[in-house]
Amino acid sequence: DYKGKQRIIEEYGLNTKKSIALEARNEGKQIERKEKNIAHVKKLMIGLQMSFKEAINLLEIPEKEVKEIEKYFQS
């Protein structure tokens, strides 16, 4: 939660604005990676007529990311 993060930030003497910027940047990178993985999976599924499972296995996408990507293809 926010208060817990704030406490940890203060304990380690980190600049709050800097830590917020780093967190936002990391979150942005995760979103970008997810979008790229979705695009790659989609290309394999359409171009090579692979199943979702075949595409994620070929791309070696980690299981924790697969669940997020899978949501996109279920909607």
N, C-alpha and C. Protein backbone atom coordinates (compact mmCIF):
# COMPACT_ATOMS: atom_id res chain seq x y z
N ASP A 1 0.83 -1.20 0.00
CA ASP A 1 0.00 0.00 0.00
C ASP A 1 0.87 1.26 0.00
N TYR A 2 0.26 2.39 -0.22
CA TYR A 2 1.00 3.64 -0.37
C TYR A 2 1.81 3.99 0.87
N LYS A 3 1.19 3.88 2.05
CA LYS A 3 1.90 4.24 3.29
C LYS A 3 3.10 3.34 3.53
N GLY A 4 2.96 2.07 3.20
CA GLY A 4 4.07 1.13 3.35
C GLY A 4 5.23 1.48 2.44
N LYS A 5 4.89 1.82 1.20
CA LYS A 5 5.93 2.21 0.24
C LYS A 5 6.62 3.49 0.72
N GLN A 6 5.82 4.43 1.18
CA GLN A 6 6.36 5.71 1.65
C GLN A 6 7.32 5.49 2.82
N ARG A 7 6.96 4.59 3.73
CA ARG A 7 7.79 4.30 4.90
C ARG A 7 9.13 3.70 4.45
N ILE A 8 9.07 2.77 3.52
CA ILE A 8 10.29 2.14 3.02
C ILE A 8 11.17 3.17 2.32
N ILE A 9 10.56 4.02 1.53
CA ILE A 9 11.30 5.06 0.83
C ILE A 9 12.02 5.96 1.83
N GLU A 10 11.32 6.34 2.88
CA GLU A 10 11.93 7.21 3.89
C GLU A 10 13.02 6.49 4.67
N GLU A 11 12.82 5.20 4.96
CA GLU A 11 13.81 4.43 5.69
C GLU A 11 15.14 4.37 4.94
N TYR A 12 15.06 4.24 3.64
CA TYR A 12 16.27 4.15 2.84
C TYR A 12 16.78 5.51 2.38
N GLY A 13 16.08 6.57 2.79
CA GLY A 13 16.52 7.92 2.47
C GLY A 13 16.42 8.26 1.00
N LEU A 14 15.48 7.65 0.32
CA LEU A 14 15.32 7.92 -1.10
C LEU A 14 14.48 9.17 -1.32
N ASN A 15 14.75 9.85 -2.38
CA ASN A 15 13.98 11.02 -2.77
C ASN A 15 12.62 10.55 -3.26
N THR A 16 11.54 11.05 -2.68
CA THR A 16 10.20 10.60 -3.02
C THR A 16 9.88 10.85 -4.49
N LYS A 17 10.20 12.04 -4.98
CA LYS A 17 9.90 12.35 -6.37
C LYS A 17 10.69 11.44 -7.31
N LYS A 18 11.93 11.18 -6.96
CA LYS A 18 12.76 10.32 -7.80
C LYS A 18 12.22 8.88 -7.79
N SER A 19 11.82 8.41 -6.63
CA SER A 19 11.33 7.03 -6.54
C SER A 19 10.00 6.89 -7.28
N ILE A 20 9.17 7.92 -7.24
CA ILE A 20 7.90 7.88 -7.98
C ILE A 20 8.18 7.85 -9.48
N ALA A 21 9.14 8.64 -9.92
CA ALA A 21 9.51 8.66 -11.34
C ALA A 21 10.05 7.30 -11.78
N LEU A 22 10.88 6.68 -10.93
CA LEU A 22 11.42 5.36 -11.26
C LEU A 22 10.32 4.31 -11.34
N GLU A 23 9.39 4.38 -10.41
CA GLU A 23 8.28 3.43 -10.40
C GLU A 23 7.42 3.61 -11.65
N ALA A 24 7.15 4.85 -12.03
CA ALA A 24 6.36 5.14 -13.22
C ALA A 24 7.08 4.64 -14.47
N ARG A 25 8.39 4.84 -14.52
CA ARG A 25 9.17 4.39 -15.67
C ARG A 25 9.14 2.87 -15.78
N ASN A 26 9.30 2.20 -14.65
CA ASN A 26 9.27 0.73 -14.65
C ASN A 26 7.90 0.22 -15.08
N GLU A 27 6.86 0.88 -14.62
CA GLU A 27 5.50 0.49 -14.99
C GLU A 27 5.29 0.68 -16.49
N GLY A 28 5.82 1.78 -17.01
CA GLY A 28 5.73 2.04 -18.45
C GLY A 28 6.44 0.98 -19.26
N LYS A 29 7.60 0.55 -18.79
CA LYS A 29 8.36 -0.49 -19.48
C LYS A 29 7.59 -1.81 -19.48
N GLN A 30 6.92 -2.11 -18.37
CA GLN A 30 6.14 -3.35 -18.29
C GLN A 30 4.99 -3.32 -19.27
N ILE A 31 4.33 -2.17 -19.38
CA ILE A 31 3.21 -2.03 -20.31
C ILE A 31 3.71 -2.16 -21.75
N GLU A 32 4.83 -1.52 -22.04
CA GLU A 32 5.41 -1.59 -23.39
C GLU A 32 5.78 -3.03 -23.75
N ARG A 33 6.36 -3.75 -22.80
CA ARG A 33 6.75 -5.14 -23.03
C ARG A 33 5.51 -5.99 -23.29
N LYS A 34 4.46 -5.77 -22.52
CA LYS A 34 3.22 -6.52 -22.68
C LYS A 34 2.62 -6.27 -24.06
N GLU A 35 2.60 -5.00 -24.48
CA GLU A 35 2.05 -4.66 -25.79
C GLU A 35 2.86 -5.29 -26.92
N LYS A 36 4.18 -5.30 -26.78
CA LYS A 36 5.03 -5.93 -27.79
C LYS A 36 4.79 -7.43 -27.84
N ASN A 37 4.69 -8.05 -26.67
CA ASN A 37 4.44 -9.49 -26.63
C ASN A 37 3.09 -9.83 -27.27
N ILE A 38 2.08 -9.02 -27.02
CA ILE A 38 0.76 -9.23 -27.63
C ILE A 38 0.88 -9.16 -29.14
N ALA A 39 1.61 -8.15 -29.63
CA ALA A 39 1.78 -7.99 -31.08
C ALA A 39 2.52 -9.18 -31.69
N HIS A 40 3.56 -9.66 -31.01
CA HIS A 40 4.33 -10.80 -31.51
C HIS A 40 3.49 -12.07 -31.53
N VAL A 41 2.74 -12.29 -30.46
CA VAL A 41 1.89 -13.48 -30.39
C VAL A 41 0.84 -13.42 -31.50
N LYS A 42 0.24 -12.25 -31.66
CA LYS A 42 -0.80 -12.08 -32.69
C LYS A 42 -0.24 -12.35 -34.09
N LYS A 43 0.97 -11.85 -34.38
CA LYS A 43 1.60 -12.08 -35.69
C LYS A 43 1.84 -13.56 -35.94
N LEU A 44 2.31 -14.26 -34.92
CA LEU A 44 2.55 -15.70 -35.08
C LEU A 44 1.25 -16.46 -35.28
N MET A 45 0.23 -16.07 -34.52
CA MET A 45 -1.05 -16.76 -34.62
C MET A 45 -1.68 -16.56 -36.01
N ILE A 46 -1.57 -15.35 -36.53
CA ILE A 46 -2.17 -15.06 -37.84
C ILE A 46 -1.25 -15.53 -38.97
N GLY A 47 0.00 -15.09 -38.93
CA GLY A 47 0.93 -15.39 -40.02
C GLY A 47 1.28 -16.85 -40.19
N LEU A 48 1.49 -17.52 -39.09
CA LEU A 48 1.87 -18.93 -39.14
C LEU A 48 0.76 -19.86 -38.69
N GLN A 49 -0.40 -19.29 -38.44
CA GLN A 49 -1.58 -20.04 -37.99
C GLN A 49 -1.26 -20.94 -36.80
N MET A 50 -0.60 -20.34 -35.82
CA MET A 50 -0.28 -21.06 -34.58
C MET A 50 -1.39 -20.84 -33.57
N SER A 51 -1.47 -21.75 -32.62
CA SER A 51 -2.37 -21.54 -31.50
C SER A 51 -1.70 -20.58 -30.52
N PHE A 52 -2.46 -20.06 -29.61
CA PHE A 52 -1.93 -19.17 -28.59
C PHE A 52 -0.80 -19.85 -27.83
N LYS A 53 -1.04 -21.08 -27.41
CA LYS A 53 -0.04 -21.84 -26.63
C LYS A 53 1.24 -22.04 -27.43
N GLU A 54 1.12 -22.38 -28.69
CA GLU A 54 2.30 -22.58 -29.53
C GLU A 54 3.11 -21.28 -29.64
N ALA A 55 2.41 -20.17 -29.83
CA ALA A 55 3.07 -18.88 -29.99
C ALA A 55 3.82 -18.47 -28.72
N ILE A 56 3.18 -18.62 -27.56
CA ILE A 56 3.86 -18.21 -26.32
C ILE A 56 5.03 -19.13 -26.01
N ASN A 57 4.89 -20.39 -26.35
CA ASN A 57 6.01 -21.32 -26.14
C ASN A 57 7.18 -20.99 -27.05
N LEU A 58 6.90 -20.67 -28.31
CA LEU A 58 7.96 -20.33 -29.25
C LEU A 58 8.69 -19.05 -28.80
N LEU A 59 7.93 -18.08 -28.30
CA LEU A 59 8.51 -16.81 -27.84
C LEU A 59 9.13 -16.91 -26.45
N GLU A 60 8.90 -18.03 -25.78
CA GLU A 60 9.41 -18.26 -24.42
C GLU A 60 9.00 -17.14 -23.46
N ILE A 61 7.72 -16.83 -23.48
CA ILE A 61 7.19 -15.80 -22.60
C ILE A 61 6.99 -16.40 -21.21
N PRO A 62 7.49 -15.73 -20.17
CA PRO A 62 7.34 -16.24 -18.80
C PRO A 62 5.87 -16.39 -18.40
N GLU A 63 5.60 -17.39 -17.59
CA GLU A 63 4.23 -17.73 -17.18
C GLU A 63 3.48 -16.55 -16.58
N LYS A 64 4.16 -15.74 -15.77
CA LYS A 64 3.46 -14.62 -15.13
C LYS A 64 3.00 -13.60 -16.16
N GLU A 65 3.72 -13.49 -17.27
CA GLU A 65 3.33 -12.57 -18.34
C GLU A 65 2.26 -13.19 -19.23
N VAL A 66 2.27 -14.50 -19.35
CA VAL A 66 1.30 -15.19 -20.19
C VAL A 66 -0.12 -14.91 -19.72
N LYS A 67 -0.33 -14.91 -18.42
CA LYS A 67 -1.67 -14.69 -17.88
C LYS A 67 -2.21 -13.31 -18.26
N GLU A 68 -1.35 -12.30 -18.24
CA GLU A 68 -1.76 -10.96 -18.62
C GLU A 68 -2.07 -10.88 -20.12
N ILE A 69 -1.23 -11.50 -20.93
CA ILE A 69 -1.41 -11.48 -22.37
C ILE A 69 -2.66 -12.26 -22.76
N GLU A 70 -2.89 -13.36 -22.07
CA GLU A 70 -4.03 -14.22 -22.37
C GLU A 70 -5.34 -13.46 -22.21
N LYS A 71 -5.40 -12.55 -21.25
CA LYS A 71 -6.62 -11.74 -21.04
C LYS A 71 -6.98 -10.97 -22.30
N TYR A 72 -5.98 -10.46 -23.00
CA TYR A 72 -6.19 -9.70 -24.23
C TYR A 72 -6.89 -10.57 -25.28
N PHE A 73 -6.46 -11.80 -25.41
CA PHE A 73 -7.00 -12.68 -26.44
C PHE A 73 -8.35 -13.28 -26.07
N GLN A 74 -8.74 -13.19 -24.82
CA GLN A 74 -10.02 -13.71 -24.39
C GLN A 74 -11.14 -12.69 -24.58
N SER A 75 -10.77 -11.42 -24.71
CA SER A 75 -11.82 -10.39 -24.85
C SER A 75 -12.22 -10.17 -26.28
